[in-house]
Amino acid sequence: MLEKDIVSKLQEKFSQGIVSSVSFRDQFTVTVALEFIHSVVAFLKKSPELDMDSLNDLCGADYPKNASGRNAVVYHLYSNRLKHRIRLKTFLQETAEIDSMTDIYEVANWLEREAFDMVGIRFKNHPDQRRILLPEGWKGYPLKKEYPVFMPALAGKYHLDDSSDGKE
């Protein structure tokens, strides 16, 4: 099935939940309303004609000037049997939570933890919502646009909570 046909099926099934779809170099990105994202992902996996059995990637992104929500979560889904793929994107406000996909794809556990750790996106019903790359107690989220680029700036807002000076 062609990716444009997948987009058509999604628009037919979730007419209220599909915000937009764009194609760039024959790769489709479908923007889904936050309240529909879990249902759309479940449909793509469970539908035999779509069979998106693989969550290849899930990442968080920061769009500080986006009116739909500062945070974005992007899902890259693939069907190993049918050899087609689709990219889904949803936006949420910085203080909002998004449904975890761990009940659909087990691999979402680690990927969602990374999105939490790097961007600060919180996932509802996640089995182990804690940092995965940075140490517990780290302040801030390195992939946020306001995160300082140079290490001297870490002396203030972004550092470990404990009183260690970083020397071992």
C-alpha atoms as a PDB file:
ATOM      1  CA  MET A   1       0.000   0.000   0.000  1.00  0.00           C
ATOM      2  CA  LEU A   2       1.276   3.460  -0.816  1.00  0.00           C
ATOM      3  CA  GLU A   3       1.773   5.977   1.962  1.00  0.00           C
ATOM      4  CA  LYS A   4      -0.821   8.307   0.409  1.00  0.00           C
ATOM      5  CA  ASP A   5      -3.351   5.460   0.726  1.00  0.00           C
ATOM      6  CA  ILE A   6      -2.492   5.118   4.415  1.00  0.00           C
ATOM      7  CA  VAL A   7      -3.127   8.840   4.845  1.00  0.00           C
ATOM      8  CA  SER A   8      -6.504   8.457   3.095  1.00  0.00           C
ATOM      9  CA  LYS A   9      -7.478   5.601   5.419  1.00  0.00           C
ATOM     10  CA  LEU A  10      -6.541   7.692   8.455  1.00  0.00           C
ATOM     11  CA  GLN A  11      -8.523  10.677   7.187  1.00  0.00           C
ATOM     12  CA  GLU A  12     -11.514   8.414   6.567  1.00  0.00           C
ATOM     13  CA  LYS A  13     -11.388   6.731   9.998  1.00  0.00           C
ATOM     14  CA  PHE A  14     -10.282   9.721  12.106  1.00  0.00           C
ATOM     15  CA  SER A  15     -11.676  12.717  10.223  1.00  0.00           C
ATOM     16  CA  GLN A  16     -11.811  14.875  13.366  1.00  0.00           C
ATOM     17  CA  GLY A  17      -8.358  13.817  14.561  1.00  0.00           C
ATOM     18  CA  ILE A  18      -6.218  14.409  11.477  1.00  0.00           C
ATOM     19  CA  VAL A  19      -4.968  17.996  11.556  1.00  0.00           C
ATOM     20  CA  SER A  20      -2.897  17.911   8.373  1.00  0.00           C
ATOM     21  CA  SER A  21      -0.736  15.769   6.143  1.00  0.00           C
ATOM     22  CA  VAL A  22       2.267  16.733   4.071  1.00  0.00           C
ATOM     23  CA  SER A  23       4.502  14.878   1.668  1.00  0.00           C
ATOM     24  CA  PHE A  24       8.154  15.625   1.129  1.00  0.00           C
ATOM     25  CA  ARG A  25      10.175  13.386  -1.188  1.00  0.00           C
ATOM     26  CA  ASP A  26       7.444  10.766  -1.054  1.00  0.00           C
ATOM     27  CA  GLN A  27       7.561  10.574   2.748  1.00  0.00           C
ATOM     28  CA  PHE A  28       4.301  11.437   4.463  1.00  0.00           C
ATOM     29  CA  THR A  29       3.896  13.159   7.793  1.00  0.00           C
ATOM     30  CA  VAL A  30       0.454  13.178   9.350  1.00  0.00           C
ATOM     31  CA  THR A  31      -0.207  15.643  12.167  1.00  0.00           C
ATOM     32  CA  VAL A  32      -2.714  14.164  14.605  1.00  0.00           C
ATOM     33  CA  ALA A  33      -4.649  15.946  17.348  1.00  0.00           C
ATOM     34  CA  LEU A  34      -3.319  15.033  20.787  1.00  0.00           C
ATOM     35  CA  GLU A  35      -6.551  13.390  21.952  1.00  0.00           C
ATOM     36  CA  PHE A  36      -6.510  11.014  18.932  1.00  0.00           C
ATOM     37  CA  ILE A  37      -2.840   9.984  18.799  1.00  0.00           C
ATOM     38  CA  HIS A  38      -3.171   6.819  20.892  1.00  0.00           C
ATOM     39  CA  SER A  39      -6.173   5.589  18.880  1.00  0.00           C
ATOM     40  CA  VAL A  40      -4.453   6.325  15.565  1.00  0.00           C
ATOM     41  CA  VAL A  41      -1.279   4.447  16.555  1.00  0.00           C
ATOM     42  CA  ALA A  42      -3.320   1.471  17.831  1.00  0.00           C
ATOM     43  CA  PHE A  43      -5.339   1.412  14.597  1.00  0.00           C
ATOM     44  CA  LEU A  44      -2.196   1.457  12.444  1.00  0.00           C
ATOM     45  CA  LYS A  45      -0.738  -1.497  14.332  1.00  0.00           C
ATOM     46  CA  LYS A  46      -3.883  -3.622  14.673  1.00  0.00           C
ATOM     47  CA  SER A  47      -5.361  -3.110  11.208  1.00  0.00           C
ATOM     48  CA  PRO A  48      -4.360  -6.152   9.074  1.00  0.00           C
ATOM     49  CA  GLU A  49      -4.276  -4.081   5.898  1.00  0.00           C
ATOM     50  CA  LEU A  50      -1.832  -1.597   7.466  1.00  0.00           C
ATOM     51  CA  ASP A  51       0.073  -3.868   9.898  1.00  0.00           C
ATOM     52  CA  MET A  52       2.436  -1.221  11.304  1.00  0.00           C
ATOM     53  CA  ASP A  53       4.187  -3.742  13.508  1.00  0.00           C
ATOM     54  CA  SER A  54       7.298  -1.678  14.188  1.00  0.00           C
ATOM     55  CA  LEU A  55       7.769   1.580  16.050  1.00  0.00           C
ATOM     56  CA  ASN A  56      11.131   2.502  14.530  1.00  0.00           C
ATOM     57  CA  ASP A  57      11.519   5.743  16.419  1.00  0.00           C
ATOM     58  CA  LEU A  58       9.763   8.102  18.744  1.00  0.00           C
ATOM     59  CA  CYS A  59      11.303  11.456  19.526  1.00  0.00           C
ATOM     60  CA  GLY A  60      10.447  14.679  21.247  1.00  0.00           C
ATOM     61  CA  ALA A  61      11.012  18.115  19.762  1.00  0.00           C
ATOM     62  CA  ASP A  62      10.788  21.667  21.035  1.00  0.00           C
ATOM     63  CA  TYR A  63       8.934  24.335  19.018  1.00  0.00           C
ATOM     64  CA  PRO A  64       8.832  27.376  21.339  1.00  0.00           C
ATOM     65  CA  LYS A  65       6.817  29.543  18.924  1.00  0.00           C
ATOM     66  CA  ASN A  66       4.251  26.935  17.848  1.00  0.00           C
ATOM     67  CA  ALA A  67       0.698  27.974  18.768  1.00  0.00           C
ATOM     68  CA  SER A  68      -0.512  24.333  18.787  1.00  0.00           C
ATOM     69  CA  GLY A  69       1.889  23.471  21.572  1.00  0.00           C
ATOM     70  CA  ARG A  70       5.535  23.894  22.330  1.00  0.00           C
ATOM     71  CA  ASN A  71       6.319  20.189  22.553  1.00  0.00           C
ATOM     72  CA  ALA A  72       5.967  17.693  19.719  1.00  0.00           C
ATOM     73  CA  VAL A  73       6.174  13.925  19.724  1.00  0.00           C
ATOM     74  CA  VAL A  74       7.031  12.269  16.409  1.00  0.00           C
ATOM     75  CA  TYR A  75       6.387   8.579  15.697  1.00  0.00           C
ATOM     76  CA  HIS A  76       8.004   6.646  12.837  1.00  0.00           C
ATOM     77  CA  LEU A  77       5.978   3.499  12.118  1.00  0.00           C
ATOM     78  CA  TYR A  78       6.850   0.722   9.674  1.00  0.00           C
ATOM     79  CA  SER A  79       5.259  -2.482   8.408  1.00  0.00           C
ATOM     80  CA  ASN A  80       7.843  -5.237   8.012  1.00  0.00           C
ATOM     81  CA  ARG A  81       5.397  -7.421   6.093  1.00  0.00           C
ATOM     82  CA  LEU A  82       4.002  -4.758   3.751  1.00  0.00           C
ATOM     83  CA  LYS A  83       7.131  -2.559   3.527  1.00  0.00           C
ATOM     84  CA  HIS A  84       5.431   0.783   4.034  1.00  0.00           C
ATOM     85  CA  ARG A  85       5.976   3.538   6.556  1.00  0.00           C
ATOM     86  CA  ILE A  86       4.347   6.640   7.963  1.00  0.00           C
ATOM     87  CA  ARG A  87       5.409   9.460  10.253  1.00  0.00           C
ATOM     88  CA  LEU A  88       2.943  10.829  12.807  1.00  0.00           C
ATOM     89  CA  LYS A  89       3.369  14.070  14.695  1.00  0.00           C
ATOM     90  CA  THR A  90       1.363  15.566  17.532  1.00  0.00           C
ATOM     91  CA  PHE A  91       1.767  18.767  19.513  1.00  0.00           C
ATOM     92  CA  LEU A  92       1.094  19.420  23.166  1.00  0.00           C
ATOM     93  CA  GLN A  93       1.450  22.307  25.559  1.00  0.00           C
ATOM     94  CA  GLU A  94       4.509  22.248  27.790  1.00  0.00           C
ATOM     95  CA  THR A  95       2.556  21.280  30.918  1.00  0.00           C
ATOM     96  CA  ALA A  96       0.328  18.690  29.188  1.00  0.00           C
ATOM     97  CA  GLU A  97       0.831  14.929  29.161  1.00  0.00           C
ATOM     98  CA  ILE A  98       0.516  12.538  26.252  1.00  0.00           C
ATOM     99  CA  ASP A  99      -0.691   8.932  26.407  1.00  0.00           C
ATOM    100  CA  SER A 100       2.108   6.388  26.582  1.00  0.00           C
ATOM    101  CA  MET A 101       2.344   3.916  23.697  1.00  0.00           C
ATOM    102  CA  THR A 102       3.926   1.193  25.847  1.00  0.00           C
ATOM    103  CA  ASP A 103       0.664  -0.781  25.753  1.00  0.00           C
ATOM    104  CA  ILE A 104       0.938  -0.893  21.937  1.00  0.00           C
ATOM    105  CA  TYR A 105       4.716  -1.104  21.405  1.00  0.00           C
ATOM    106  CA  GLU A 106       7.005  -2.294  24.208  1.00  0.00           C
ATOM    107  CA  VAL A 107       9.948  -0.421  22.699  1.00  0.00           C
ATOM    108  CA  ALA A 108       8.109   2.844  23.416  1.00  0.00           C
ATOM    109  CA  ASN A 109       9.245   2.461  27.041  1.00  0.00           C
ATOM    110  CA  TRP A 110      12.846   3.490  26.375  1.00  0.00           C
ATOM    111  CA  LEU A 111      11.990   5.951  23.599  1.00  0.00           C
ATOM    112  CA  GLU A 112       9.471   7.797  25.778  1.00  0.00           C
ATOM    113  CA  ARG A 113      11.978   7.949  28.607  1.00  0.00           C
ATOM    114  CA  GLU A 114      14.450   9.596  26.237  1.00  0.00           C
ATOM    115  CA  ALA A 115      11.815  12.168  25.131  1.00  0.00           C
ATOM    116  CA  PHE A 116      11.128  12.886  28.795  1.00  0.00           C
ATOM    117  CA  ASP A 117      14.817  13.151  29.664  1.00  0.00           C
ATOM    118  CA  MET A 118      15.850  15.366  26.744  1.00  0.00           C
ATOM    119  CA  VAL A 119      12.740  17.513  26.145  1.00  0.00           C
ATOM    120  CA  GLY A 120      10.642  17.142  29.305  1.00  0.00           C
ATOM    121  CA  ILE A 121       7.608  15.488  27.697  1.00  0.00           C
ATOM    122  CA  ARG A 122       5.545  13.566  30.241  1.00  0.00           C
ATOM    123  CA  PHE A 123       3.724  10.360  29.279  1.00  0.00           C
ATOM    124  CA  LYS A 124       0.520   9.240  31.009  1.00  0.00           C
ATOM    125  CA  ASN A 125       0.505   5.624  32.208  1.00  0.00           C
ATOM    126  CA  HIS A 126       4.199   5.127  31.484  1.00  0.00           C
ATOM    127  CA  PRO A 127       5.507   2.192  33.579  1.00  0.00           C
ATOM    128  CA  ASP A 128       8.846   3.831  34.484  1.00  0.00           C
ATOM    129  CA  GLN A 129       8.876   7.595  33.841  1.00  0.00           C
ATOM    130  CA  ARG A 130      12.383   8.595  34.896  1.00  0.00           C
ATOM    131  CA  ARG A 131      15.551   9.824  33.279  1.00  0.00           C
ATOM    132  CA  ILE A 132      17.426   7.406  31.056  1.00  0.00           C
ATOM    133  CA  LEU A 133      20.458   9.358  29.776  1.00  0.00           C
ATOM    134  CA  LEU A 134      21.109  12.020  32.399  1.00  0.00           C
ATOM    135  CA  PRO A 135      21.568  11.348  36.107  1.00  0.00           C
ATOM    136  CA  GLU A 136      18.572  11.611  38.426  1.00  0.00           C
ATOM    137  CA  GLY A 137      18.478  15.082  39.898  1.00  0.00           C
ATOM    138  CA  TRP A 138      19.601  16.806  36.693  1.00  0.00           C
ATOM    139  CA  LYS A 139      17.785  20.102  36.221  1.00  0.00           C
ATOM    140  CA  GLY A 140      16.505  21.119  32.813  1.00  0.00           C
ATOM    141  CA  TYR A 141      16.111  19.436  29.451  1.00  0.00           C
ATOM    142  CA  PRO A 142      19.058  19.635  27.004  1.00  0.00           C
ATOM    143  CA  LEU A 143      16.990  19.670  23.800  1.00  0.00           C
ATOM    144  CA  LYS A 144      14.902  22.670  24.855  1.00  0.00           C
ATOM    145  CA  LYS A 145      15.810  25.738  22.844  1.00  0.00           C
ATOM    146  CA  GLU A 146      16.611  27.822  25.938  1.00  0.00           C
ATOM    147  CA  TYR A 147      19.077  25.258  27.304  1.00  0.00           C
ATOM    148  CA  PRO A 148      22.560  26.837  27.455  1.00  0.00           C
ATOM    149  CA  VAL A 149      25.088  25.734  24.882  1.00  0.00           C
ATOM    150  CA  PHE A 150      28.224  26.511  26.887  1.00  0.00           C
ATOM    151  CA  MET A 151      29.186  24.694  30.072  1.00  0.00           C
ATOM    152  CA  PRO A 152      29.805  27.822  32.255  1.00  0.00           C
ATOM    153  CA  ALA A 153      26.106  28.594  31.945  1.00  0.00           C
ATOM    154  CA  LEU A 154      25.347  25.313  33.719  1.00  0.00           C
ATOM    155  CA  ALA A 155      26.442  26.815  37.011  1.00  0.00           C
ATOM    156  CA  GLY A 156      22.986  28.278  37.617  1.00  0.00           C
ATOM    157  CA  LYS A 157      19.727  26.745  36.496  1.00  0.00           C
ATOM    158  CA  TYR A 158      21.061  23.561  34.861  1.00  0.00           C
ATOM    159  CA  HIS A 159      23.059  21.272  37.104  1.00  0.00           C
ATOM    160  CA  LEU A 160      22.726  18.379  39.462  1.00  0.00           C
ATOM    161  CA  ASP A 161      20.599  18.981  42.543  1.00  0.00           C
ATOM    162  CA  ASP A 162      23.175  17.542  44.922  1.00  0.00           C
ATOM    163  CA  SER A 163      25.993  19.600  46.354  1.00  0.00           C
ATOM    164  CA  SER A 164      28.784  17.749  44.539  1.00  0.00           C
ATOM    165  CA  ASP A 165      31.194  19.809  42.503  1.00  0.00           C
ATOM    166  CA  GLY A 166      31.407  17.225  39.726  1.00  0.00           C
ATOM    167  CA  LYS A 167      34.863  15.989  40.742  1.00  0.00           C
ATOM    168  CA  GLU A 168      35.360  12.347  41.555  1.00  0.00           C
END
